[in-house]
Amino acid sequence: MPLLFSYGTLQQEDVQLSTFARKLAGEADALVGFEQSMVEIDDPEVVRTSGKTHHPIVRHTGLPADLVPGTVFEITEEELGRADDYEVEAYKRVLASLASGKSAWVYVDARFAPERQAGAARL
């Protein structure tokens, strides 16, 4: 089953219930080589679901000291597709390395997305 790392709204129970029809169980972890900022969300459905007009977003720096805390979840392929549907065009899903040594899918700033983060194992 794929792993999905979230540093933002996919950690919210209401977003999980709306997106996946269940509450996800996850573990604390950190995304390596990224820094976090915020992006304005203009999709009314996503704003309604999250309750927020601005969401966290991460940009690849490649610096091992740059860590973004969050949660890693084990989900199904179908749920990964639902997560793709939830995220707006500002985000791109990439495979990235976590501090735990695991590799997980994560949604990053599409403008600065690496093709594949160095060190990320294939899922």
C-alpha atoms as a PDB file:
ATOM      1  CA  MET A   1       0.000   0.000   0.000  1.00  0.00           C
ATOM      2  CA  PRO A   2       1.276   3.480  -0.762  1.00  0.00           C
ATOM      3  CA  LEU A   3       2.459   5.878   1.913  1.00  0.00           C
ATOM      4  CA  LEU A   4       1.220   9.474   1.873  1.00  0.00           C
ATOM      5  CA  PHE A   5       2.954  12.221   3.854  1.00  0.00           C
ATOM      6  CA  SER A   6       0.919  15.242   4.918  1.00  0.00           C
ATOM      7  CA  TYR A   7       2.147  18.463   6.489  1.00  0.00           C
ATOM      8  CA  GLY A   8      -1.186  20.258   6.022  1.00  0.00           C
ATOM      9  CA  THR A   9      -4.921  19.823   5.690  1.00  0.00           C
ATOM     10  CA  LEU A  10      -4.890  16.091   4.907  1.00  0.00           C
ATOM     11  CA  GLN A  11      -4.043  15.673   8.614  1.00  0.00           C
ATOM     12  CA  GLN A  12      -7.431  17.198   9.545  1.00  0.00           C
ATOM     13  CA  GLU A  13     -10.101  14.660  10.506  1.00  0.00           C
ATOM     14  CA  ASP A  14     -12.852  16.559   8.643  1.00  0.00           C
ATOM     15  CA  VAL A  15     -10.761  16.614   5.438  1.00  0.00           C
ATOM     16  CA  GLN A  16      -9.974  12.897   5.805  1.00  0.00           C
ATOM     17  CA  LEU A  17     -13.647  12.002   6.276  1.00  0.00           C
ATOM     18  CA  SER A  18     -14.651  14.095   3.265  1.00  0.00           C
ATOM     19  CA  THR A  19     -11.816  12.856   1.047  1.00  0.00           C
ATOM     20  CA  PHE A  20     -11.388   9.225   2.129  1.00  0.00           C
ATOM     21  CA  ALA A  21     -14.672   8.483   3.973  1.00  0.00           C
ATOM     22  CA  ARG A  22     -12.621   7.401   7.001  1.00  0.00           C
ATOM     23  CA  LYS A  23     -10.216   8.746   9.607  1.00  0.00           C
ATOM     24  CA  LEU A  24      -6.637   7.811   8.745  1.00  0.00           C
ATOM     25  CA  ALA A  25      -4.185   6.384  11.271  1.00  0.00           C
ATOM     26  CA  GLY A  26      -0.698   7.797  10.878  1.00  0.00           C
ATOM     27  CA  GLU A  27       2.704   8.295  12.437  1.00  0.00           C
ATOM     28  CA  ALA A  28       4.657  11.483  13.030  1.00  0.00           C
ATOM     29  CA  ASP A  29       7.547  11.955  10.603  1.00  0.00           C
ATOM     30  CA  ALA A  30       9.285  14.781   8.733  1.00  0.00           C
ATOM     31  CA  LEU A  31       9.878  15.613   5.083  1.00  0.00           C
ATOM     32  CA  VAL A  32      13.591  16.048   4.296  1.00  0.00           C
ATOM     33  CA  GLY A  33      14.958  18.774   2.019  1.00  0.00           C
ATOM     34  CA  PHE A  34      11.893  21.035   1.856  1.00  0.00           C
ATOM     35  CA  GLU A  35      10.757  24.323   3.403  1.00  0.00           C
ATOM     36  CA  GLN A  36       7.172  25.335   4.107  1.00  0.00           C
ATOM     37  CA  SER A  37       5.159  28.451   3.247  1.00  0.00           C
ATOM     38  CA  MET A  38       1.481  29.190   2.519  1.00  0.00           C
ATOM     39  CA  VAL A  39      -0.582  29.353  -0.686  1.00  0.00           C
ATOM     40  CA  GLU A  40      -3.977  30.954  -1.253  1.00  0.00           C
ATOM     41  CA  ILE A  41      -6.663  28.456  -2.282  1.00  0.00           C
ATOM     42  CA  ASP A  42      -9.330  29.683  -4.708  1.00  0.00           C
ATOM     43  CA  ASP A  43     -11.177  26.381  -5.272  1.00  0.00           C
ATOM     44  CA  PRO A  44     -14.449  26.827  -3.327  1.00  0.00           C
ATOM     45  CA  GLU A  45     -14.904  23.082  -2.756  1.00  0.00           C
ATOM     46  CA  VAL A  46     -11.424  22.705  -1.237  1.00  0.00           C
ATOM     47  CA  VAL A  47     -11.980  25.811   0.935  1.00  0.00           C
ATOM     48  CA  ARG A  48     -15.329  24.396   2.071  1.00  0.00           C
ATOM     49  CA  THR A  49     -13.773  21.019   2.878  1.00  0.00           C
ATOM     50  CA  SER A  50     -10.751  22.384   4.759  1.00  0.00           C
ATOM     51  CA  GLY A  51     -12.368  25.503   6.204  1.00  0.00           C
ATOM     52  CA  LYS A  52      -9.281  27.478   5.176  1.00  0.00           C
ATOM     53  CA  THR A  53      -8.466  29.932   2.369  1.00  0.00           C
ATOM     54  CA  HIS A  54      -4.702  29.437   2.785  1.00  0.00           C
ATOM     55  CA  HIS A  55      -2.977  26.046   2.960  1.00  0.00           C
ATOM     56  CA  PRO A  56       0.588  25.066   3.745  1.00  0.00           C
ATOM     57  CA  ILE A  57       2.768  24.257   0.750  1.00  0.00           C
ATOM     58  CA  VAL A  58       6.379  23.073   0.531  1.00  0.00           C
ATOM     59  CA  ARG A  59       9.206  23.907  -1.835  1.00  0.00           C
ATOM     60  CA  HIS A  60      12.151  21.608  -2.520  1.00  0.00           C
ATOM     61  CA  THR A  61      15.477  22.976  -1.260  1.00  0.00           C
ATOM     62  CA  GLY A  62      17.561  19.806  -1.371  1.00  0.00           C
ATOM     63  CA  LEU A  63      19.157  20.747   1.952  1.00  0.00           C
ATOM     64  CA  PRO A  64      19.162  17.820   4.418  1.00  0.00           C
ATOM     65  CA  ALA A  65      18.805  20.231   7.355  1.00  0.00           C
ATOM     66  CA  ASP A  66      15.461  21.537   6.002  1.00  0.00           C
ATOM     67  CA  LEU A  67      12.709  19.465   7.647  1.00  0.00           C
ATOM     68  CA  VAL A  68       8.927  19.852   7.518  1.00  0.00           C
ATOM     69  CA  PRO A  69       7.052  17.995  10.288  1.00  0.00           C
ATOM     70  CA  GLY A  70       3.889  16.094   9.509  1.00  0.00           C
ATOM     71  CA  THR A  71       2.253  12.680   9.448  1.00  0.00           C
ATOM     72  CA  VAL A  72       2.749   9.645   7.210  1.00  0.00           C
ATOM     73  CA  PHE A  73      -0.328   7.552   6.395  1.00  0.00           C
ATOM     74  CA  GLU A  74      -0.735   4.149   4.752  1.00  0.00           C
ATOM     75  CA  ILE A  75      -3.547   4.433   2.208  1.00  0.00           C
ATOM     76  CA  THR A  76      -4.935   2.497  -0.748  1.00  0.00           C
ATOM     77  CA  GLU A  77      -4.281   3.280  -4.417  1.00  0.00           C
ATOM     78  CA  GLU A  78      -7.923   4.387  -4.688  1.00  0.00           C
ATOM     79  CA  GLU A  79      -7.453   6.778  -1.762  1.00  0.00           C
ATOM     80  CA  LEU A  80      -4.309   8.166  -3.380  1.00  0.00           C
ATOM     81  CA  GLY A  81      -6.463   9.034  -6.388  1.00  0.00           C
ATOM     82  CA  ARG A  82      -8.957  10.752  -4.085  1.00  0.00           C
ATOM     83  CA  ALA A  83      -6.114  12.787  -2.584  1.00  0.00           C
ATOM     84  CA  ASP A  84      -5.093  13.788  -6.134  1.00  0.00           C
ATOM     85  CA  ASP A  85      -8.659  14.980  -6.734  1.00  0.00           C
ATOM     86  CA  TYR A  86      -8.642  17.013  -3.486  1.00  0.00           C
ATOM     87  CA  GLU A  87      -5.400  18.887  -4.186  1.00  0.00           C
ATOM     88  CA  VAL A  88      -5.495  22.005  -6.390  1.00  0.00           C
ATOM     89  CA  GLU A  89      -3.203  22.756  -9.362  1.00  0.00           C
ATOM     90  CA  ALA A  90      -0.680  24.565  -7.147  1.00  0.00           C
ATOM     91  CA  TYR A  91       0.409  21.126  -5.872  1.00  0.00           C
ATOM     92  CA  LYS A  92       2.196  18.251  -7.589  1.00  0.00           C
ATOM     93  CA  ARG A  93       2.519  14.774  -6.092  1.00  0.00           C
ATOM     94  CA  VAL A  94       6.127  13.517  -5.887  1.00  0.00           C
ATOM     95  CA  LEU A  95       7.935  10.685  -4.157  1.00  0.00           C
ATOM     96  CA  ALA A  96      10.101  12.010  -1.344  1.00  0.00           C
ATOM     97  CA  SER A  97      12.305  10.858   1.531  1.00  0.00           C
ATOM     98  CA  LEU A  98      11.231  11.144   5.143  1.00  0.00           C
ATOM     99  CA  ALA A  99      13.398  11.497   8.250  1.00  0.00           C
ATOM    100  CA  SER A 100      12.395   7.938   9.260  1.00  0.00           C
ATOM    101  CA  GLY A 101      14.054   6.591   6.100  1.00  0.00           C
ATOM    102  CA  LYS A 102      10.688   5.795   4.501  1.00  0.00           C
ATOM    103  CA  SER A 103       9.665   7.092   1.065  1.00  0.00           C
ATOM    104  CA  ALA A 104       6.189   8.546   0.654  1.00  0.00           C
ATOM    105  CA  TRP A 105       4.073  10.489  -1.797  1.00  0.00           C
ATOM    106  CA  VAL A 106       3.767  14.151  -0.880  1.00  0.00           C
ATOM    107  CA  TYR A 107       2.121  17.177  -2.492  1.00  0.00           C
ATOM    108  CA  VAL A 108       4.637  19.948  -3.134  1.00  0.00           C
ATOM    109  CA  ASP A 109       4.664  23.350  -4.837  1.00  0.00           C
ATOM    110  CA  ALA A 110       4.280  22.439  -8.515  1.00  0.00           C
ATOM    111  CA  ARG A 111       6.519  25.349  -9.552  1.00  0.00           C
ATOM    112  CA  PHE A 112       9.496  23.946  -7.636  1.00  0.00           C
ATOM    113  CA  ALA A 113       8.776  20.204  -7.692  1.00  0.00           C
ATOM    114  CA  PRO A 114      11.709  17.868  -8.206  1.00  0.00           C
ATOM    115  CA  GLU A 115      11.131  15.082 -10.704  1.00  0.00           C
ATOM    116  CA  ARG A 116      12.080  12.694  -7.959  1.00  0.00           C
ATOM    117  CA  GLN A 117      13.828  13.576  -4.733  1.00  0.00           C
ATOM    118  CA  ALA A 118      17.320  12.132  -4.433  1.00  0.00           C
ATOM    119  CA  GLY A 119      17.401   9.220  -2.029  1.00  0.00           C
ATOM    120  CA  ALA A 120      13.707   8.357  -2.359  1.00  0.00           C
ATOM    121  CA  ALA A 121      13.237   4.655  -2.892  1.00  0.00           C
ATOM    122  CA  ARG A 122      10.693   3.450  -5.433  1.00  0.00           C
ATOM    123  CA  LEU A 123       7.323   2.478  -3.983  1.00  0.00           C
END
